[in-house]
Amino acid sequence: SVLTGAEGYRRAAGYVADRLAGSDERLVIVVSAEFGHTDELHQEARALSHDAPDGDLLDLLWSTGEIRSVALLSLRLRSAGVSVTGVSVHEIGLRVVPGDTRIAFNPLAIRAALVHHRVVVVPGFLAVDRQRVVTLGRGGSDWSAVLLAARLGAGRCETGQVHAGAQAAAEFLDDVPDGDAELDLVQAGPVEQ
């Protein structure tokens, strides 16, 4: 993650504000947890659990890192005068296809938010499966960014850092006919960010 505390949020917000100055561009920004935050949450869970923590509870706990980043970057952008909203995992429209391991995306909520704001900040790494929060595994934020960019018809998708996940997702989308917005769910086991 390029978000590394207060200074990371300031740098990211400054970059976005500068980019928007003098343009009519609208952005969807996909964020991950701050660098090292997911590892800290995993250690906390292990310290509190007698056994290995259950995956569904880890997913719920890990989601707090992404949601925290959404809120903090949105706060910083708003204080810089940017018209921004942050959304939760339940609002972004990424969901596991029932009975499958693919991810589908409904862009309506993000498109509606872009009507009212120049920037929409969304959590990466997360989707919902029958209303439960699930994580997408290593590189999940990049997968999220590529999927959203493709389905929203963005001219490009930029990532703050290069992961194998983004490249694999980009290659997968190149092979998908008619812009089909479903990706195989990454099954990478415990995630360390």
C-alpha atoms as a PDB file:
ATOM      1  CA  SER A   1       0.000   0.000   0.000  1.00  0.00           C
ATOM      2  CA  VAL A   2       1.147   3.544  -0.708  1.00  0.00           C
ATOM      3  CA  LEU A   3      -0.832   4.675   2.322  1.00  0.00           C
ATOM      4  CA  THR A   4       1.695   4.810   5.132  1.00  0.00           C
ATOM      5  CA  GLY A   5       0.110   6.979   7.796  1.00  0.00           C
ATOM      6  CA  ALA A   6      -0.859  10.648   7.829  1.00  0.00           C
ATOM      7  CA  GLU A   7       1.884  11.652   5.394  1.00  0.00           C
ATOM      8  CA  GLY A   8       0.799   8.978   2.917  1.00  0.00           C
ATOM      9  CA  TYR A   9      -2.774  10.280   2.973  1.00  0.00           C
ATOM     10  CA  ARG A  10      -1.514  13.853   2.495  1.00  0.00           C
ATOM     11  CA  ARG A  11       0.623  12.825  -0.503  1.00  0.00           C
ATOM     12  CA  ALA A  12      -2.191  10.810  -2.092  1.00  0.00           C
ATOM     13  CA  ALA A  13      -4.741  13.602  -1.582  1.00  0.00           C
ATOM     14  CA  GLY A  14      -2.302  16.190  -2.944  1.00  0.00           C
ATOM     15  CA  TYR A  15      -1.699  14.088  -6.045  1.00  0.00           C
ATOM     16  CA  VAL A  16      -5.448  13.723  -6.656  1.00  0.00           C
ATOM     17  CA  ALA A  17      -6.202  17.416  -6.035  1.00  0.00           C
ATOM     18  CA  ASP A  18      -3.394  18.463  -8.411  1.00  0.00           C
ATOM     19  CA  ARG A  19      -4.606  16.035 -11.051  1.00  0.00           C
ATOM     20  CA  LEU A  20      -8.172  17.343 -10.862  1.00  0.00           C
ATOM     21  CA  ALA A  21      -7.153  21.012 -11.032  1.00  0.00           C
ATOM     22  CA  GLY A  22      -8.137  22.477 -14.379  1.00  0.00           C
ATOM     23  CA  SER A  23      -9.848  19.312 -15.623  1.00  0.00           C
ATOM     24  CA  ASP A  24     -13.323  17.835 -15.566  1.00  0.00           C
ATOM     25  CA  GLU A  25     -11.989  14.372 -14.803  1.00  0.00           C
ATOM     26  CA  ARG A  26     -13.839  12.082 -12.386  1.00  0.00           C
ATOM     27  CA  LEU A  27     -11.976   9.357 -10.519  1.00  0.00           C
ATOM     28  CA  VAL A  28     -12.718   6.112  -8.743  1.00  0.00           C
ATOM     29  CA  ILE A  29      -9.896   5.470  -6.298  1.00  0.00           C
ATOM     30  CA  VAL A  30      -9.461   1.930  -4.973  1.00  0.00           C
ATOM     31  CA  VAL A  31      -7.545   1.794  -1.694  1.00  0.00           C
ATOM     32  CA  SER A  32      -6.084  -0.941   0.425  1.00  0.00           C
ATOM     33  CA  ALA A  33      -5.261  -0.957   4.111  1.00  0.00           C
ATOM     34  CA  GLU A  34      -2.265   1.020   5.273  1.00  0.00           C
ATOM     35  CA  PHE A  35       1.065  -0.728   4.825  1.00  0.00           C
ATOM     36  CA  GLY A  36       1.393  -3.428   7.518  1.00  0.00           C
ATOM     37  CA  HIS A  37      -2.100  -2.894   8.952  1.00  0.00           C
ATOM     38  CA  THR A  38      -3.524  -6.228   7.765  1.00  0.00           C
ATOM     39  CA  ASP A  39      -0.598  -8.064   9.356  1.00  0.00           C
ATOM     40  CA  GLU A  40      -1.251  -6.242  12.639  1.00  0.00           C
ATOM     41  CA  LEU A  41      -4.926  -7.209  12.527  1.00  0.00           C
ATOM     42  CA  HIS A  42      -3.986 -10.833  11.847  1.00  0.00           C
ATOM     43  CA  GLN A  43      -1.628 -10.850  14.833  1.00  0.00           C
ATOM     44  CA  GLU A  44      -4.384  -9.383  17.037  1.00  0.00           C
ATOM     45  CA  ALA A  45      -6.794 -12.100  15.911  1.00  0.00           C
ATOM     46  CA  ARG A  46      -4.263 -14.840  16.636  1.00  0.00           C
ATOM     47  CA  ALA A  47      -3.584 -13.387  20.093  1.00  0.00           C
ATOM     48  CA  LEU A  48      -7.293 -13.421  20.969  1.00  0.00           C
ATOM     49  CA  SER A  49      -8.209 -16.793  19.465  1.00  0.00           C
ATOM     50  CA  HIS A  50      -7.376 -20.132  21.091  1.00  0.00           C
ATOM     51  CA  ASP A  51      -7.370 -21.814  17.701  1.00  0.00           C
ATOM     52  CA  ALA A  52      -6.509 -20.519  14.266  1.00  0.00           C
ATOM     53  CA  PRO A  53      -8.952 -17.671  13.563  1.00  0.00           C
ATOM     54  CA  ASP A  54     -11.906 -18.572  11.357  1.00  0.00           C
ATOM     55  CA  GLY A  55     -11.664 -17.256   7.799  1.00  0.00           C
ATOM     56  CA  ASP A  56     -15.033 -15.490   7.896  1.00  0.00           C
ATOM     57  CA  LEU A  57     -14.050 -13.581  11.042  1.00  0.00           C
ATOM     58  CA  LEU A  58     -10.643 -12.730   9.595  1.00  0.00           C
ATOM     59  CA  ASP A  59     -12.330 -11.363   6.469  1.00  0.00           C
ATOM     60  CA  LEU A  60     -14.558  -9.183   8.641  1.00  0.00           C
ATOM     61  CA  LEU A  61     -11.605  -7.979  10.709  1.00  0.00           C
ATOM     62  CA  TRP A  62      -9.383  -7.329   7.682  1.00  0.00           C
ATOM     63  CA  SER A  63     -12.146  -5.301   6.029  1.00  0.00           C
ATOM     64  CA  THR A  64     -11.749  -2.686   8.758  1.00  0.00           C
ATOM     65  CA  GLY A  65      -8.309  -1.789   7.370  1.00  0.00           C
ATOM     66  CA  GLU A  66      -9.691  -1.030   3.916  1.00  0.00           C
ATOM     67  CA  ILE A  67     -12.719   0.856   5.252  1.00  0.00           C
ATOM     68  CA  ARG A  68     -10.411   2.911   7.490  1.00  0.00           C
ATOM     69  CA  SER A  69      -8.323   3.863   4.446  1.00  0.00           C
ATOM     70  CA  VAL A  70     -11.468   4.833   2.494  1.00  0.00           C
ATOM     71  CA  ALA A  71     -12.612   7.130   5.297  1.00  0.00           C
ATOM     72  CA  LEU A  72      -9.207   8.715   5.997  1.00  0.00           C
ATOM     73  CA  LEU A  73      -8.382   9.420   2.343  1.00  0.00           C
ATOM     74  CA  SER A  74     -11.901  10.803   1.787  1.00  0.00           C
ATOM     75  CA  LEU A  75     -11.517  13.080   4.822  1.00  0.00           C
ATOM     76  CA  ARG A  76      -8.166  14.344   3.569  1.00  0.00           C
ATOM     77  CA  LEU A  77      -9.492  14.925   0.037  1.00  0.00           C
ATOM     78  CA  ARG A  78     -12.525  16.777   1.333  1.00  0.00           C
ATOM     79  CA  SER A  79     -10.300  19.002   3.491  1.00  0.00           C
ATOM     80  CA  ALA A  80      -8.341  19.778   0.303  1.00  0.00           C
ATOM     81  CA  GLY A  81     -11.558  21.014  -1.348  1.00  0.00           C
ATOM     82  CA  VAL A  82     -12.208  17.945  -3.505  1.00  0.00           C
ATOM     83  CA  SER A  83     -15.800  16.802  -4.032  1.00  0.00           C
ATOM     84  CA  VAL A  84     -15.479  13.243  -2.741  1.00  0.00           C
ATOM     85  CA  THR A  85     -17.443  10.433  -1.186  1.00  0.00           C
ATOM     86  CA  GLY A  86     -16.263   7.175   0.291  1.00  0.00           C
ATOM     87  CA  VAL A  87     -18.266   3.973   0.004  1.00  0.00           C
ATOM     88  CA  SER A  88     -18.298   0.674   1.877  1.00  0.00           C
ATOM     89  CA  VAL A  89     -17.883  -2.833   0.541  1.00  0.00           C
ATOM     90  CA  HIS A  90     -21.680  -3.258   0.523  1.00  0.00           C
ATOM     91  CA  GLU A  91     -22.081  -0.199  -1.710  1.00  0.00           C
ATOM     92  CA  ILE A  92     -19.456  -0.867  -4.401  1.00  0.00           C
ATOM     93  CA  GLY A  93     -21.315  -3.662  -6.181  1.00  0.00           C
ATOM     94  CA  LEU A  94     -18.650  -6.388  -6.098  1.00  0.00           C
ATOM     95  CA  ARG A  95     -20.199  -9.709  -5.206  1.00  0.00           C
ATOM     96  CA  VAL A  96     -19.374 -13.394  -5.398  1.00  0.00           C
ATOM     97  CA  VAL A  97     -21.550 -15.120  -7.975  1.00  0.00           C
ATOM     98  CA  PRO A  98     -23.780 -17.545  -5.989  1.00  0.00           C
ATOM     99  CA  GLY A  99     -22.583 -21.127  -6.264  1.00  0.00           C
ATOM    100  CA  ASP A 100     -19.401 -20.037  -8.038  1.00  0.00           C
ATOM    101  CA  THR A 101     -15.984 -18.550  -7.371  1.00  0.00           C
ATOM    102  CA  ARG A 102     -16.344 -15.631  -9.781  1.00  0.00           C
ATOM    103  CA  ILE A 103     -16.810 -11.985  -8.897  1.00  0.00           C
ATOM    104  CA  ALA A 104     -19.513  -9.904 -10.573  1.00  0.00           C
ATOM    105  CA  PHE A 105     -19.764  -6.124 -10.512  1.00  0.00           C
ATOM    106  CA  ASN A 106     -22.857  -3.946 -10.674  1.00  0.00           C
ATOM    107  CA  PRO A 107     -21.641  -0.400 -11.436  1.00  0.00           C
ATOM    108  CA  LEU A 108     -24.881   1.469 -10.647  1.00  0.00           C
ATOM    109  CA  ALA A 109     -23.963   2.731  -7.156  1.00  0.00           C
ATOM    110  CA  ILE A 110     -20.549   3.998  -8.244  1.00  0.00           C
ATOM    111  CA  ARG A 111     -21.982   5.629 -11.370  1.00  0.00           C
ATOM    112  CA  ALA A 112     -24.612   7.362  -9.201  1.00  0.00           C
ATOM    113  CA  ALA A 113     -21.941   8.590  -6.779  1.00  0.00           C
ATOM    114  CA  LEU A 114     -19.905   9.974  -9.708  1.00  0.00           C
ATOM    115  CA  VAL A 115     -22.888  12.105 -10.748  1.00  0.00           C
ATOM    116  CA  HIS A 116     -22.618  13.975  -7.433  1.00  0.00           C
ATOM    117  CA  HIS A 117     -18.860  13.811  -6.735  1.00  0.00           C
ATOM    118  CA  ARG A 118     -15.657  14.089  -8.734  1.00  0.00           C
ATOM    119  CA  VAL A 119     -14.012  11.348  -6.690  1.00  0.00           C
ATOM    120  CA  VAL A 120     -15.381   8.111  -5.266  1.00  0.00           C
ATOM    121  CA  VAL A 121     -13.059   6.226  -2.903  1.00  0.00           C
ATOM    122  CA  VAL A 122     -13.768   2.497  -2.614  1.00  0.00           C
ATOM    123  CA  PRO A 123     -12.198  -0.347  -0.666  1.00  0.00           C
ATOM    124  CA  GLY A 124     -10.184  -2.825  -2.680  1.00  0.00           C
ATOM    125  CA  PHE A 125      -9.532  -6.431  -1.636  1.00  0.00           C
ATOM    126  CA  LEU A 126     -13.200  -6.905  -0.634  1.00  0.00           C
ATOM    127  CA  ALA A 127     -16.476  -8.216  -2.035  1.00  0.00           C
ATOM    128  CA  VAL A 128     -19.679  -9.597  -0.572  1.00  0.00           C
ATOM    129  CA  ASP A 129     -20.989 -13.141  -0.637  1.00  0.00           C
ATOM    130  CA  ARG A 130     -24.674 -13.207   0.351  1.00  0.00           C
ATOM    131  CA  GLN A 131     -24.096  -9.978   2.350  1.00  0.00           C
ATOM    132  CA  ARG A 132     -21.018 -11.352   4.172  1.00  0.00           C
ATOM    133  CA  VAL A 133     -17.729  -9.563   3.628  1.00  0.00           C
ATOM    134  CA  VAL A 134     -15.099 -11.692   1.875  1.00  0.00           C
ATOM    135  CA  THR A 135     -11.525 -10.905   0.926  1.00  0.00           C
ATOM    136  CA  LEU A 136     -10.100 -11.439  -2.551  1.00  0.00           C
ATOM    137  CA  GLY A 137      -6.620 -12.614  -1.556  1.00  0.00           C
ATOM    138  CA  ARG A 138      -3.174 -11.322  -2.367  1.00  0.00           C
ATOM    139  CA  GLY A 139      -3.320  -8.524  -4.931  1.00  0.00           C
ATOM    140  CA  GLY A 140      -7.086  -8.190  -4.339  1.00  0.00           C
ATOM    141  CA  SER A 141      -7.015  -4.387  -4.416  1.00  0.00           C
ATOM    142  CA  ASP A 142      -5.389  -4.462  -7.842  1.00  0.00           C
ATOM    143  CA  TRP A 143      -7.913  -7.038  -9.039  1.00  0.00           C
ATOM    144  CA  SER A 144     -10.677  -4.747  -7.767  1.00  0.00           C
ATOM    145  CA  ALA A 145      -9.194  -1.706  -9.517  1.00  0.00           C
ATOM    146  CA  VAL A 146      -8.817  -3.474 -12.868  1.00  0.00           C
ATOM    147  CA  LEU A 147     -12.323  -4.931 -12.702  1.00  0.00           C
ATOM    148  CA  LEU A 148     -13.925  -1.597 -11.804  1.00  0.00           C
ATOM    149  CA  ALA A 149     -11.947   0.254 -14.483  1.00  0.00           C
ATOM    150  CA  ALA A 150     -12.951  -2.252 -17.166  1.00  0.00           C
ATOM    151  CA  ARG A 151     -16.627  -2.318 -16.248  1.00  0.00           C
ATOM    152  CA  LEU A 152     -16.890   1.461 -15.768  1.00  0.00           C
ATOM    153  CA  GLY A 153     -15.295   1.979 -19.184  1.00  0.00           C
ATOM    154  CA  ALA A 154     -12.332   3.911 -17.816  1.00  0.00           C
ATOM    155  CA  GLY A 155      -9.727   5.019 -20.305  1.00  0.00           C
ATOM    156  CA  ARG A 156      -6.999   3.605 -18.069  1.00  0.00           C
ATOM    157  CA  CYS A 157      -6.332   1.982 -14.724  1.00  0.00           C
ATOM    158  CA  GLU A 158      -3.374   3.182 -12.689  1.00  0.00           C
ATOM    159  CA  THR A 159      -2.012   1.411  -9.642  1.00  0.00           C
ATOM    160  CA  GLY A 160       0.180   2.969  -6.982  1.00  0.00           C
ATOM    161  CA  GLN A 161       2.368  -0.092  -7.009  1.00  0.00           C
ATOM    162  CA  VAL A 162       2.768  -3.049  -9.329  1.00  0.00           C
ATOM    163  CA  HIS A 163       1.506  -6.453  -8.201  1.00  0.00           C
ATOM    164  CA  ALA A 164       1.272  -9.678 -10.136  1.00  0.00           C
ATOM    165  CA  GLY A 165      -2.483  -9.521  -9.390  1.00  0.00           C
ATOM    166  CA  ALA A 166      -2.999  -6.415 -11.498  1.00  0.00           C
ATOM    167  CA  GLN A 167      -1.127  -7.885 -14.450  1.00  0.00           C
ATOM    168  CA  ALA A 168      -3.035 -11.172 -14.224  1.00  0.00           C
ATOM    169  CA  ALA A 169      -6.359  -9.326 -13.984  1.00  0.00           C
ATOM    170  CA  ALA A 170      -5.464  -7.120 -16.950  1.00  0.00           C
ATOM    171  CA  GLU A 171      -4.551 -10.160 -19.026  1.00  0.00           C
ATOM    172  CA  PHE A 172      -7.745 -11.929 -17.989  1.00  0.00           C
ATOM    173  CA  LEU A 173      -9.877  -8.940 -18.965  1.00  0.00           C
ATOM    174  CA  ASP A 174      -8.152  -8.755 -22.340  1.00  0.00           C
ATOM    175  CA  ASP A 175      -9.439 -12.277 -23.002  1.00  0.00           C
ATOM    176  CA  VAL A 176     -13.009 -11.655 -21.845  1.00  0.00           C
ATOM    177  CA  PRO A 177     -15.484 -11.149 -24.708  1.00  0.00           C
ATOM    178  CA  ASP A 178     -17.834  -8.148 -24.670  1.00  0.00           C
ATOM    179  CA  GLY A 179     -16.466  -6.633 -21.445  1.00  0.00           C
ATOM    180  CA  ASP A 180     -17.844  -9.426 -19.240  1.00  0.00           C
ATOM    181  CA  ALA A 181     -17.009  -8.211 -15.736  1.00  0.00           C
ATOM    182  CA  GLU A 182     -16.425 -11.419 -13.859  1.00  0.00           C
ATOM    183  CA  LEU A 183     -13.059 -12.534 -12.561  1.00  0.00           C
ATOM    184  CA  ASP A 184     -11.988 -15.736 -10.911  1.00  0.00           C
ATOM    185  CA  LEU A 185     -11.895 -15.243  -7.162  1.00  0.00           C
ATOM    186  CA  VAL A 186      -8.329 -15.322  -5.884  1.00  0.00           C
ATOM    187  CA  GLN A 187      -7.866 -18.174  -3.433  1.00  0.00           C
ATOM    188  CA  ALA A 188      -4.516 -17.296  -1.889  1.00  0.00           C
ATOM    189  CA  GLY A 189      -4.979 -18.259   1.753  1.00  0.00           C
ATOM    190  CA  PRO A 190      -3.909 -15.871   4.514  1.00  0.00           C
ATOM    191  CA  VAL A 191      -3.087 -12.446   3.195  1.00  0.00           C
ATOM    192  CA  GLU A 192      -0.181 -10.378   4.340  1.00  0.00           C
ATOM    193  CA  GLN A 193      -0.232  -6.778   3.198  1.00  0.00           C
END
